[in-house]
């Protein structure tokens, strides 16, 4: 996904695991991988912390606030509360 995401875009967090690709530094919470959410806003663009963790040259990537319904993540939750998370664009795909 290379174009900027608009507020309200429905997304899915990439389902990617370090165990599947070798040593890496993943900055996306494991409990959100494969989950659907909604983009609230773009926060700006910043160097990729996954590369910075290994002192590698880091691409500058868009960072977003993404909202997730708590009940979609944890089935025993009975409220409509949301979880707000900052996620880099390369972890997001269309839902």
N, C-alpha and C. Protein backbone atom coordinates (compact mmCIF):
# COMPACT_ATOMS: atom_id res chain seq x y z
N UNK A 1 0.87 -1.16 0.00
CA UNK A 1 0.00 0.00 0.00
C UNK A 1 0.91 1.22 0.00
N UNK A 2 0.94 1.94 -1.11
CA UNK A 2 1.88 3.05 -1.19
C UNK A 2 1.21 4.42 -1.10
N UNK A 3 -0.06 4.54 -1.48
CA UNK A 3 -0.72 5.84 -1.39
C UNK A 3 -1.16 6.09 0.05
N UNK A 4 -1.30 7.38 0.37
CA UNK A 4 -1.69 7.75 1.73
C UNK A 4 -3.09 7.24 2.03
N UNK A 5 -3.32 6.90 3.26
CA UNK A 5 -4.62 6.42 3.71
C UNK A 5 -5.44 7.59 4.24
N UNK A 6 -6.70 7.61 3.87
CA UNK A 6 -7.60 8.67 4.33
C UNK A 6 -8.23 8.27 5.65
N UNK A 7 -8.57 9.27 6.43
CA UNK A 7 -9.33 9.01 7.66
C UNK A 7 -10.60 8.26 7.28
N UNK A 8 -10.92 7.23 8.05
CA UNK A 8 -12.10 6.42 7.78
C UNK A 8 -11.82 5.17 6.96
N UNK A 9 -10.59 5.04 6.43
CA UNK A 9 -10.24 3.85 5.65
C UNK A 9 -10.25 2.62 6.53
N UNK A 10 -10.92 1.57 6.07
CA UNK A 10 -10.92 0.29 6.79
C UNK A 10 -9.67 -0.47 6.40
N UNK A 11 -8.94 -0.95 7.38
CA UNK A 11 -7.67 -1.63 7.12
C UNK A 11 -7.62 -2.97 7.86
N UNK A 12 -6.63 -3.75 7.51
CA UNK A 12 -6.30 -4.97 8.23
C UNK A 12 -4.80 -4.91 8.51
N UNK A 13 -4.40 -5.28 9.71
CA UNK A 13 -2.99 -5.29 10.07
C UNK A 13 -2.37 -6.56 9.49
N UNK A 14 -1.23 -6.40 8.84
CA UNK A 14 -0.52 -7.54 8.26
C UNK A 14 -0.30 -8.62 9.31
N UNK A 15 -0.50 -9.86 8.92
CA UNK A 15 -0.31 -11.00 9.83
C UNK A 15 1.09 -11.55 9.59
N UNK A 16 2.08 -10.94 10.23
CA UNK A 16 3.49 -11.26 10.00
C UNK A 16 4.14 -11.51 11.36
N UNK A 17 5.01 -12.51 11.40
CA UNK A 17 5.64 -12.92 12.66
C UNK A 17 7.13 -13.10 12.48
N UNK A 18 7.94 -12.69 13.46
CA UNK A 18 9.39 -12.85 13.34
C UNK A 18 9.79 -14.31 13.21
N UNK A 19 9.02 -15.20 13.79
CA UNK A 19 9.33 -16.62 13.71
C UNK A 19 9.27 -17.13 12.27
N UNK A 20 8.51 -16.44 11.44
CA UNK A 20 8.33 -16.87 10.05
C UNK A 20 9.39 -16.30 9.12
N UNK A 21 10.11 -15.26 9.57
CA UNK A 21 11.08 -14.64 8.64
C UNK A 21 12.46 -14.40 9.23
N UNK A 22 12.70 -14.85 10.42
CA UNK A 22 14.04 -14.69 10.99
C UNK A 22 14.14 -13.46 11.85
N UNK A 23 15.34 -13.18 12.36
CA UNK A 23 15.53 -12.07 13.29
C UNK A 23 15.06 -10.75 12.69
N UNK A 24 14.22 -10.07 13.42
CA UNK A 24 13.73 -8.77 13.00
C UNK A 24 13.17 -8.05 14.23
N UNK A 25 12.87 -6.80 14.04
CA UNK A 25 12.32 -5.98 15.12
C UNK A 25 10.95 -5.50 14.66
N UNK A 26 9.89 -6.09 15.16
CA UNK A 26 8.54 -5.74 14.72
C UNK A 26 7.93 -4.78 15.73
N UNK A 27 7.44 -3.66 15.23
CA UNK A 27 6.91 -2.61 16.08
C UNK A 27 5.39 -2.61 16.14
N UNK A 28 4.75 -3.69 15.70
CA UNK A 28 3.30 -3.77 15.71
C UNK A 28 2.88 -4.80 16.75
N UNK A 29 1.97 -4.46 17.66
CA UNK A 29 1.57 -5.41 18.70
C UNK A 29 1.08 -6.73 18.12
N UNK A 30 1.52 -7.83 18.68
CA UNK A 30 1.17 -9.16 18.15
C UNK A 30 -0.34 -9.39 18.18
N UNK A 31 -1.05 -8.85 19.19
CA UNK A 31 -2.47 -9.10 19.30
C UNK A 31 -3.30 -8.36 18.24
N UNK A 32 -2.66 -7.48 17.46
CA UNK A 32 -3.37 -6.77 16.39
C UNK A 32 -3.12 -7.38 15.01
N UNK A 33 -2.16 -8.28 14.90
CA UNK A 33 -1.84 -8.85 13.59
C UNK A 33 -3.01 -9.68 13.07
N UNK A 34 -3.45 -9.34 11.85
CA UNK A 34 -4.60 -10.00 11.24
C UNK A 34 -5.93 -9.38 11.62
N UNK A 35 -5.92 -8.34 12.43
CA UNK A 35 -7.17 -7.70 12.90
C UNK A 35 -7.54 -6.50 12.03
N UNK A 36 -8.84 -6.21 11.97
CA UNK A 36 -9.36 -5.07 11.21
C UNK A 36 -9.49 -3.85 12.10
N UNK A 37 -9.26 -2.69 11.50
CA UNK A 37 -9.41 -1.43 12.21
C UNK A 37 -9.79 -0.32 11.25
N UNK A 38 -9.81 0.91 11.76
CA UNK A 38 -10.17 2.08 10.97
C UNK A 38 -9.12 3.17 11.20
N UNK A 39 -8.62 3.74 10.11
CA UNK A 39 -7.66 4.84 10.20
C UNK A 39 -8.38 6.08 10.72
N UNK A 40 -7.82 6.69 11.75
CA UNK A 40 -8.39 7.94 12.27
C UNK A 40 -7.69 9.16 11.70
N UNK A 41 -6.35 9.09 11.62
CA UNK A 41 -5.59 10.25 11.11
C UNK A 41 -4.16 9.84 10.81
N UNK A 42 -3.55 10.58 9.90
CA UNK A 42 -2.11 10.43 9.64
C UNK A 42 -1.37 11.34 10.62
N UNK A 43 -0.32 10.80 11.22
CA UNK A 43 0.43 11.55 12.22
C UNK A 43 1.67 12.22 11.65
N UNK A 44 2.05 11.87 10.44
CA UNK A 44 3.26 12.38 9.81
C UNK A 44 4.07 11.23 9.27
N UNK A 45 5.30 11.50 8.89
CA UNK A 45 6.20 10.46 8.39
C UNK A 45 7.48 10.46 9.21
N UNK A 46 7.97 9.25 9.52
CA UNK A 46 9.11 9.10 10.41
C UNK A 46 9.98 7.94 9.94
N UNK A 47 11.27 7.94 10.33
CA UNK A 47 12.13 6.81 9.97
C UNK A 47 11.59 5.50 10.55
N UNK A 48 11.70 4.44 9.77
CA UNK A 48 11.20 3.12 10.16
C UNK A 48 11.98 2.59 11.37
N UNK A 49 11.34 2.46 12.54
CA UNK A 49 12.05 2.00 13.73
C UNK A 49 12.51 0.54 13.62
N UNK A 50 11.91 -0.23 12.73
CA UNK A 50 12.33 -1.63 12.54
C UNK A 50 13.73 -1.69 11.94
N UNK A 51 14.09 -0.71 11.12
CA UNK A 51 15.45 -0.63 10.58
C UNK A 51 16.39 0.04 11.58
N UNK A 52 15.92 1.09 12.22
CA UNK A 52 16.76 1.81 13.19
C UNK A 52 17.24 0.89 14.31
N UNK A 53 16.42 -0.10 14.68
CA UNK A 53 16.79 -1.03 15.75
C UNK A 53 18.06 -1.80 15.43
N UNK A 54 18.36 -1.97 14.13
CA UNK A 54 19.56 -2.69 13.70
C UNK A 54 20.60 -1.75 13.10
N UNK A 55 20.46 -0.45 13.35
CA UNK A 55 21.37 0.57 12.83
C UNK A 55 21.47 0.52 11.32
N UNK A 56 20.35 0.25 10.66
CA UNK A 56 20.29 0.23 9.20
C UNK A 56 19.72 1.54 8.69
N UNK A 57 20.01 1.89 7.44
CA UNK A 57 19.36 3.06 6.86
C UNK A 57 17.84 2.85 6.91
N UNK A 58 17.12 3.85 7.33
CA UNK A 58 15.67 3.69 7.55
C UNK A 58 14.87 4.55 6.59
N UNK A 59 13.96 3.91 5.87
CA UNK A 59 13.03 4.64 5.00
C UNK A 59 12.10 5.48 5.88
N UNK A 60 11.68 6.60 5.36
CA UNK A 60 10.72 7.45 6.06
C UNK A 60 9.33 6.98 5.64
N UNK A 61 8.52 6.59 6.63
CA UNK A 61 7.21 5.98 6.37
C UNK A 61 6.10 6.72 7.08
N UNK A 62 4.89 6.73 6.49
CA UNK A 62 3.75 7.35 7.15
C UNK A 62 3.33 6.56 8.39
N UNK A 63 2.94 7.29 9.42
CA UNK A 63 2.48 6.71 10.67
C UNK A 63 1.03 7.16 10.90
N UNK A 64 0.17 6.23 11.34
CA UNK A 64 -1.25 6.51 11.49
C UNK A 64 -1.75 6.16 12.88
N UNK A 65 -2.79 6.87 13.32
CA UNK A 65 -3.60 6.44 14.45
C UNK A 65 -4.66 5.53 13.87
N UNK A 66 -4.74 4.29 14.38
CA UNK A 66 -5.74 3.32 13.92
C UNK A 66 -6.55 2.88 15.12
N UNK A 67 -7.87 2.87 14.96
CA UNK A 67 -8.78 2.46 16.04
C UNK A 67 -9.24 1.02 15.79
N UNK A 68 -9.30 0.25 16.88
CA UNK A 68 -9.76 -1.13 16.85
C UNK A 68 -10.84 -1.29 17.91
N UNK A 69 -11.91 -1.98 17.57
CA UNK A 69 -12.92 -2.31 18.58
C UNK A 69 -12.32 -3.35 19.52
N UNK A 70 -12.35 -3.09 20.81
CA UNK A 70 -11.77 -4.04 21.77
C UNK A 70 -12.41 -5.41 21.68
N UNK A 71 -13.71 -5.46 21.42
CA UNK A 71 -14.42 -6.74 21.34
C UNK A 71 -13.95 -7.57 20.13
N UNK A 72 -13.40 -6.91 19.10
CA UNK A 72 -12.87 -7.64 17.95
C UNK A 72 -11.51 -8.27 18.26
N UNK A 73 -10.85 -7.78 19.28
CA UNK A 73 -9.53 -8.30 19.66
C UNK A 73 -9.66 -9.32 20.79
N UNK A 74 -10.45 -8.97 21.79
CA UNK A 74 -10.64 -9.82 22.96
C UNK A 74 -12.11 -10.18 23.06
N UNK A 75 -12.50 -11.39 22.68
CA UNK A 75 -13.92 -11.77 22.61
C UNK A 75 -14.70 -11.63 23.91
N UNK A 76 -14.05 -11.68 25.06
CA UNK A 76 -14.79 -11.59 26.32
C UNK A 76 -15.12 -10.15 26.72
N UNK A 77 -14.69 -9.16 25.93
CA UNK A 77 -14.99 -7.76 26.22
C UNK A 77 -16.44 -7.49 25.86
N UNK A 78 -17.16 -6.84 26.74
CA UNK A 78 -18.59 -6.60 26.51
C UNK A 78 -18.92 -5.14 26.26
N UNK A 79 -17.93 -4.28 26.13
CA UNK A 79 -18.19 -2.86 25.85
C UNK A 79 -17.84 -2.55 24.40
N UNK A 80 -18.23 -1.38 23.96
CA UNK A 80 -17.90 -0.92 22.61
C UNK A 80 -16.65 -0.04 22.61
N UNK A 81 -15.85 -0.13 23.66
CA UNK A 81 -14.64 0.67 23.75
C UNK A 81 -13.71 0.38 22.57
N UNK A 82 -12.88 1.39 22.26
CA UNK A 82 -11.89 1.23 21.20
C UNK A 82 -10.48 1.32 21.77
N UNK A 83 -9.58 0.72 21.03
CA UNK A 83 -8.15 0.79 21.33
C UNK A 83 -7.52 1.63 20.24
N UNK A 84 -6.75 2.65 20.58
CA UNK A 84 -6.09 3.52 19.61
C UNK A 84 -4.61 3.18 19.59
N UNK A 85 -4.09 2.86 18.39
CA UNK A 85 -2.70 2.43 18.26
C UNK A 85 -2.03 3.19 17.13
N UNK A 86 -0.75 3.49 17.28
CA UNK A 86 0.04 4.09 16.20
C UNK A 86 0.69 2.96 15.41
N UNK A 87 0.42 2.93 14.09
CA UNK A 87 0.95 1.86 13.24
C UNK A 87 1.48 2.46 11.94
N UNK A 88 2.66 1.99 11.54
CA UNK A 88 3.25 2.44 10.28
C UNK A 88 2.51 1.82 9.10
N UNK A 89 2.46 2.57 8.00
CA UNK A 89 1.67 2.18 6.83
C UNK A 89 2.06 0.83 6.25
N UNK A 90 3.33 0.44 6.30
CA UNK A 90 3.71 -0.83 5.67
C UNK A 90 3.13 -2.04 6.41
N UNK A 91 2.52 -1.83 7.55
CA UNK A 91 1.84 -2.90 8.29
C UNK A 91 0.36 -2.96 7.98
N UNK A 92 -0.13 -2.05 7.15
CA UNK A 92 -1.57 -1.96 6.88
C UNK A 92 -1.89 -2.36 5.46
N UNK A 93 -3.02 -3.07 5.31
CA UNK A 93 -3.51 -3.44 3.99
C UNK A 93 -5.01 -3.20 3.98
N UNK A 94 -5.62 -3.08 2.79
CA UNK A 94 -7.07 -2.86 2.75
C UNK A 94 -7.83 -4.00 3.43
N UNK A 95 -8.90 -3.65 4.14
CA UNK A 95 -9.71 -4.69 4.81
C UNK A 95 -10.72 -5.28 3.83
